[in-house]
Amino acid sequence: MLFTFSKRKKVLLFIGLLILHLVIISIQVPLGREVSFIFKKNIFAVFSTIQNFVYKSYSFSKNLWKNYIYLRDTSQEKTKLEKENLRLRAENWLLNMELKKIKKIKSLAQPNFIIAEVIGIDSMNIFKSLIINKGRSDGIRKNLPVLDENHDLVGKIVEPISDNQATVQLITDVESGVGSITSETKAIGVLTGNLTKKCFFKYIYRTQEIHKGEEVLTSGMDGIFPRGIKIGRITKIKQGKDLFKVIEVTPYFQLNKLENLLVLMK
C-alpha cells in the first residue's frame, strides 16, 4: 500500500509539471492581444500571490530565527547576571560578617573614657601632679592613663585616691616614666620628666638614627599606656657624655589649658 501511494504521488507530480509546461508554451502562442493580456494578467496574479506568500513565509521564518537567537542570548545573559549577582551577594555577606567581627573586636578593644575636671594642682611644683574630681566610686584606680581634650598624653593616676578625688602624675614629673617610640625612625626608649615644660627621651644610643622634629608616641611596652598615644615632639638632640644621646621632647599638652581630662578605663 505504501508503494501504491508513492507511485500515485509521482504520477500527480508529473501531470502537474506537464500542465505547467503547457501553460508556459501557450503563453508564447499568439492568441490575440486582448486574450493574451488577460491570460498573462491571470498568470501574474497567481504567481504574485505565490511569490508574496513565499516572501512572507521567509520573512516570518527569518524574524522567528532572529527572535530565537535574541531570546537565547538574553536567556544566557540573564543566567550569567543571576550567577554574578549571587556571587556579589555572597561576597557582600562575607564582607558584612568580617565587618561585624572587626566591629566586635574593636568594641571590645575600644577603651571607655571618664571625663574628669581638674580641681587642684601640686603646690610644691605645678609640673608634678594634678587633682581631679573623680575617684574610686567612679571606677578610678591606680595607673589608668590620663589624656587631654586633644587625646594627647598628660600622665597617669597615682595614689592618693579617694572615693571622689584622685591624683594625676604628670609626664613632666621627674619620677614619671613612659615607654615611648618615635614616629619615623622607630627608636624605642623611655620618656621622663624634669619638673619643667620639657621631657627627656632616654636610652637612645649615640649611634642610633633619630631626627629632630619627630613625633614621640607611647610604645605600649610598659604595660600601662596603650600604644600610639601622642606625647610630644623632639625639639633638641645632642651627644651625651656616655653611650646615650640627650634628647629633649616638648609635650603636646599645655598645663595652663587643662580643665577637662579623659581618664582611660582599661
Protein backbone atom coordinates (compact mmCIF):
# COMPACT_ATOMS: atom_id res chain seq x y z
CA MET A 1 0.00 0.00 0.00
CA LEU A 2 2.93 2.27 0.74
CA PHE A 3 4.33 1.56 -2.72
CA THR A 4 1.00 2.42 -4.42
CA PHE A 5 0.79 5.77 -2.60
CA SER A 6 4.31 6.68 -3.65
CA LYS A 7 3.62 5.75 -7.24
CA ARG A 8 0.39 7.78 -7.31
CA LYS A 9 2.27 10.79 -5.90
CA LYS A 10 4.81 10.63 -8.69
CA VAL A 11 2.03 10.47 -11.32
CA LEU A 12 0.27 13.51 -9.92
CA LEU A 13 3.54 15.44 -9.81
CA PHE A 14 4.21 14.54 -13.44
CA ILE A 15 0.74 15.68 -14.51
CA GLY A 16 1.17 18.97 -12.66
CA LEU A 17 4.51 19.67 -14.31
CA LEU A 18 3.02 18.80 -17.72
CA ILE A 19 0.17 21.24 -17.25
CA LEU A 20 2.59 23.96 -16.13
CA HIS A 21 4.72 23.32 -19.19
CA LEU A 22 1.67 23.58 -21.50
CA VAL A 23 0.67 26.84 -19.86
CA ILE A 24 4.11 28.32 -20.43
CA ILE A 25 4.06 27.19 -24.08
CA SER A 26 0.60 28.60 -24.57
CA ILE A 27 1.78 31.99 -23.44
CA GLN A 28 4.14 32.06 -26.36
CA VAL A 29 1.35 31.25 -28.88
CA PRO A 30 -0.28 34.40 -30.34
CA LEU A 31 -3.89 34.39 -29.14
CA GLY A 32 -4.71 37.93 -29.92
CA ARG A 33 -3.68 40.96 -27.93
CA GLU A 34 -6.67 41.06 -25.57
CA VAL A 35 -6.77 37.34 -24.84
CA SER A 36 -3.00 37.24 -24.35
CA PHE A 37 -3.14 40.21 -21.97
CA ILE A 38 -5.92 38.66 -19.86
CA PHE A 39 -4.10 35.35 -19.73
CA LYS A 40 -0.84 36.96 -18.71
CA LYS A 41 -2.64 39.03 -16.11
CA ASN A 42 -4.19 35.95 -14.55
CA ILE A 43 -0.90 34.10 -14.59
CA PHE A 44 0.81 37.12 -12.96
CA ALA A 45 -1.87 37.29 -10.29
CA VAL A 46 -1.38 33.61 -9.46
CA PHE A 47 2.41 33.75 -9.35
CA SER A 48 2.48 37.09 -7.49
CA THR A 49 0.27 35.56 -4.81
CA ILE A 50 2.61 32.61 -4.55
CA GLN A 51 5.63 34.91 -4.52
CA ASN A 52 4.07 37.08 -1.83
CA PHE A 53 3.30 34.00 0.26
CA VAL A 54 6.84 32.74 -0.11
CA TYR A 55 8.27 36.15 0.79
CA LYS A 56 6.08 36.47 3.87
CA SER A 57 6.94 32.92 4.91
CA TYR A 58 10.62 33.68 4.52
CA SER A 59 10.32 36.94 6.48
CA PHE A 60 8.37 35.22 9.22
CA SER A 61 10.95 32.44 9.46
CA LYS A 62 13.79 34.95 9.43
CA ASN A 63 12.23 37.06 12.19
CA LEU A 64 11.37 33.95 14.16
CA TRP A 65 15.00 32.83 13.96
CA LYS A 66 16.26 36.27 14.99
CA ASN A 67 13.89 36.32 17.92
CA TYR A 68 15.01 32.85 18.90
CA ILE A 69 18.66 33.89 18.77
CA TYR A 70 17.86 37.08 20.73
CA LEU A 71 15.86 35.20 23.35
CA ARG A 72 18.57 32.57 23.63
CA ASP A 73 21.27 35.22 24.07
CA THR A 74 19.05 37.11 26.51
CA SER A 75 18.44 33.94 28.47
CA GLN A 76 22.16 33.20 28.60
CA GLU A 77 22.91 36.77 29.67
CA LYS A 78 20.20 36.55 32.33
CA THR A 79 21.70 33.34 33.66
CA LYS A 80 25.14 34.92 33.70
CA LEU A 81 23.86 38.01 35.52
CA GLU A 82 22.00 35.87 38.04
CA LYS A 83 25.20 33.96 38.80
CA GLU A 84 27.16 37.21 39.06
CA ASN A 85 24.50 38.67 41.35
CA LEU A 86 24.65 35.58 43.52
CA ARG A 87 28.44 35.81 43.70
CA LEU A 88 28.32 39.51 44.64
CA ARG A 89 25.67 38.86 47.27
CA ALA A 90 27.81 36.08 48.74
CA GLU A 91 30.87 38.34 48.79
CA ASN A 92 28.81 41.13 50.37
CA TRP A 93 27.57 38.73 53.03
CA LEU A 94 31.10 37.58 53.81
CA LEU A 95 32.33 41.18 53.96
CA ASN A 96 29.49 42.06 56.33
CA MET A 97 30.40 39.12 58.52
CA GLU A 98 34.03 40.21 58.59
CA LEU A 99 32.96 43.80 59.32
CA LYS A 100 30.83 42.62 62.22
CA LYS A 101 33.79 40.69 63.58
CA ILE A 102 36.02 43.74 63.24
CA LYS A 103 33.43 45.96 64.91
CA LYS A 104 33.01 43.42 67.70
CA ILE A 105 36.74 43.17 68.26
CA LYS A 106 37.07 46.95 68.06
CA SER A 107 34.24 47.46 70.54
CA LEU A 108 35.87 45.00 72.91
CA ALA A 109 39.26 46.62 72.48
CA GLN A 110 37.94 50.16 72.45
CA PRO A 111 38.50 51.67 75.90
CA ASN A 112 35.97 53.80 77.72
CA PHE A 113 36.69 57.27 78.96
CA ILE A 114 35.65 59.05 82.09
CA ILE A 115 35.62 62.83 81.86
CA ALA A 116 37.13 64.47 84.91
CA GLU A 117 37.65 68.10 85.88
CA VAL A 118 40.90 69.50 87.22
CA ILE A 119 40.17 70.80 90.72
CA GLY A 120 43.68 71.21 92.12
CA ILE A 121 47.40 71.36 91.36
CA ASP A 122 50.52 70.41 93.29
CA SER A 123 51.50 73.40 95.40
CA MET A 124 55.16 72.36 95.53
CA ASN A 125 55.62 72.09 91.73
CA ILE A 126 52.98 72.60 89.10
CA PHE A 127 54.73 70.16 86.73
CA LYS A 128 54.43 67.29 89.20
CA SER A 129 50.74 66.41 89.66
CA LEU A 130 47.07 67.44 89.47
CA ILE A 131 43.90 66.59 91.39
CA ILE A 132 40.70 65.54 89.55
CA ASN A 133 37.11 65.29 90.77
CA LYS A 134 36.71 61.53 90.09
CA GLY A 135 37.67 58.71 92.47
CA ARG A 136 37.09 55.09 93.43
CA SER A 137 33.31 55.42 93.31
CA ASP A 138 33.68 56.28 89.61
CA GLY A 139 35.94 53.29 88.91
CA ILE A 140 39.17 55.25 89.08
CA ARG A 141 42.21 53.17 90.08
CA LYS A 142 45.98 53.34 90.02
CA ASN A 143 47.93 53.51 86.71
CA LEU A 144 44.99 54.50 84.49
CA PRO A 145 46.26 56.74 81.62
CA VAL A 146 45.07 60.35 81.53
CA LEU A 147 44.73 62.37 78.32
CA ASP A 148 43.83 65.96 77.50
CA GLU A 149 40.91 67.03 75.30
CA ASN A 150 43.06 66.51 72.18
CA HIS A 151 43.85 62.91 73.25
CA ASP A 152 47.48 63.81 73.99
CA LEU A 153 49.12 62.11 76.96
CA VAL A 154 49.08 64.03 80.25
CA GLY A 155 50.01 61.37 82.79
CA LYS A 156 48.55 58.54 84.89
CA ILE A 157 46.54 58.01 88.05
CA VAL A 158 48.63 57.55 91.22
CA GLU A 159 47.96 57.44 94.93
CA PRO A 160 46.36 59.01 96.88
CA ILE A 161 42.90 58.11 95.54
CA SER A 162 39.71 58.80 97.50
CA ASP A 163 36.07 58.00 96.73
CA ASN A 164 35.55 61.22 94.76
CA GLN A 165 39.05 62.51 94.02
CA ALA A 166 42.30 61.19 92.51
CA THR A 167 45.86 62.30 91.81
CA VAL A 168 47.28 62.54 88.28
CA GLN A 169 51.06 62.23 87.94
CA LEU A 170 52.16 64.40 85.01
CA ILE A 171 54.65 63.10 82.44
CA THR A 172 56.78 66.13 83.31
CA ASP A 173 57.33 64.73 86.82
CA VAL A 174 60.88 63.56 87.38
CA GLU A 175 59.58 60.24 88.76
CA SER A 176 57.41 59.61 85.68
CA GLY A 177 58.42 57.03 83.08
CA VAL A 178 56.60 56.27 79.82
CA GLY A 179 57.58 53.61 77.29
CA SER A 180 57.91 55.56 74.04
CA ILE A 181 58.72 55.24 70.35
CA THR A 182 59.46 57.77 67.61
CA SER A 183 57.16 58.02 64.60
CA GLU A 184 59.76 57.87 61.80
CA THR A 185 62.94 56.09 62.92
CA LYS A 186 61.05 53.84 65.38
CA ALA A 187 63.60 54.48 68.11
CA ILE A 188 62.43 52.95 71.40
CA GLY A 189 63.18 54.48 74.77
CA VAL A 190 61.70 55.88 77.97
CA LEU A 191 60.26 59.35 78.37
CA THR A 192 60.88 61.03 81.74
CA GLY A 193 60.19 64.49 83.15
CA ASN A 194 62.40 67.03 84.88
CA LEU A 195 59.78 69.22 86.58
CA THR A 196 59.79 71.76 83.74
CA LYS A 197 57.87 72.16 80.49
CA LYS A 198 60.28 69.72 78.84
CA CYS A 199 60.78 65.96 78.97
CA PHE A 200 63.72 63.74 78.03
CA PHE A 201 63.70 60.73 75.73
CA LYS A 202 66.27 58.39 77.30
CA TYR A 203 68.31 55.34 76.40
CA ILE A 204 68.86 56.14 72.72
CA TYR A 205 72.38 55.13 71.71
CA ARG A 206 74.68 57.74 70.21
CA THR A 207 74.95 55.65 67.01
CA GLN A 208 71.19 55.26 66.63
CA GLU A 209 69.43 57.33 63.99
CA ILE A 210 66.83 59.77 65.27
CA HIS A 211 65.64 63.11 63.89
CA LYS A 212 64.75 66.45 65.35
CA GLY A 213 61.07 67.19 64.79
CA GLU A 214 59.99 63.55 65.07
CA GLU A 215 56.81 62.82 66.95
CA VAL A 216 57.05 60.72 70.10
CA LEU A 217 54.27 58.20 70.85
CA THR A 218 53.61 55.67 73.56
CA SER A 219 55.14 52.28 72.69
CA GLY A 220 52.80 50.18 74.83
CA MET A 221 55.77 48.24 76.20
CA ASP A 222 55.41 49.46 79.77
CA GLY A 223 52.05 47.74 80.26
CA ILE A 224 50.40 50.98 81.39
CA PHE A 225 49.90 53.21 78.37
CA PRO A 226 48.33 51.78 75.18
CA ARG A 227 50.46 52.01 72.05
CA GLY A 228 50.09 55.03 69.78
CA ILE A 229 49.06 57.84 72.16
CA LYS A 230 50.69 61.11 71.11
CA ILE A 231 53.12 62.57 73.65
CA GLY A 232 55.07 65.39 72.01
CA ARG A 233 57.79 66.28 69.52
CA ILE A 234 61.60 66.16 69.65
CA THR A 235 62.95 69.71 69.86
CA LYS A 236 66.65 69.16 70.61
CA ILE A 237 69.23 66.39 70.13
CA LYS A 238 72.84 66.40 71.33
CA GLN A 239 75.50 63.85 72.06
CA GLY A 240 75.79 62.88 75.71
CA LYS A 241 78.91 62.15 77.69
CA ASP A 242 78.06 58.47 78.00
CA LEU A 243 76.67 55.94 75.48
CA PHE A 244 73.36 57.74 75.01
CA LYS A 245 72.10 60.87 73.28
CA VAL A 246 70.44 63.70 75.17
CA ILE A 247 67.05 64.17 73.52
CA GLU A 248 64.66 66.88 74.59
CA VAL A 249 60.92 66.48 73.97
CA THR A 250 58.27 69.17 74.23
CA PRO A 251 54.94 67.62 75.35
CA TYR A 252 51.79 68.48 73.44
CA PHE A 253 49.64 69.13 76.49
CA GLN A 254 49.57 72.67 77.86
CA LEU A 255 49.32 72.85 81.62
CA ASN A 256 47.58 76.22 81.72
CA LYS A 257 44.78 74.90 79.44
CA LEU A 258 44.00 71.70 81.33
CA GLU A 259 40.38 71.92 82.50
CA ASN A 260 38.77 68.64 81.49
CA LEU A 261 40.77 65.41 81.32
CA LEU A 262 39.97 61.98 79.91
CA VAL A 263 40.74 59.02 82.15
CA LEU A 264 41.29 55.92 80.03
CA MET A 265 39.44 52.98 81.63
CA LYS A 266 41.46 49.92 80.57
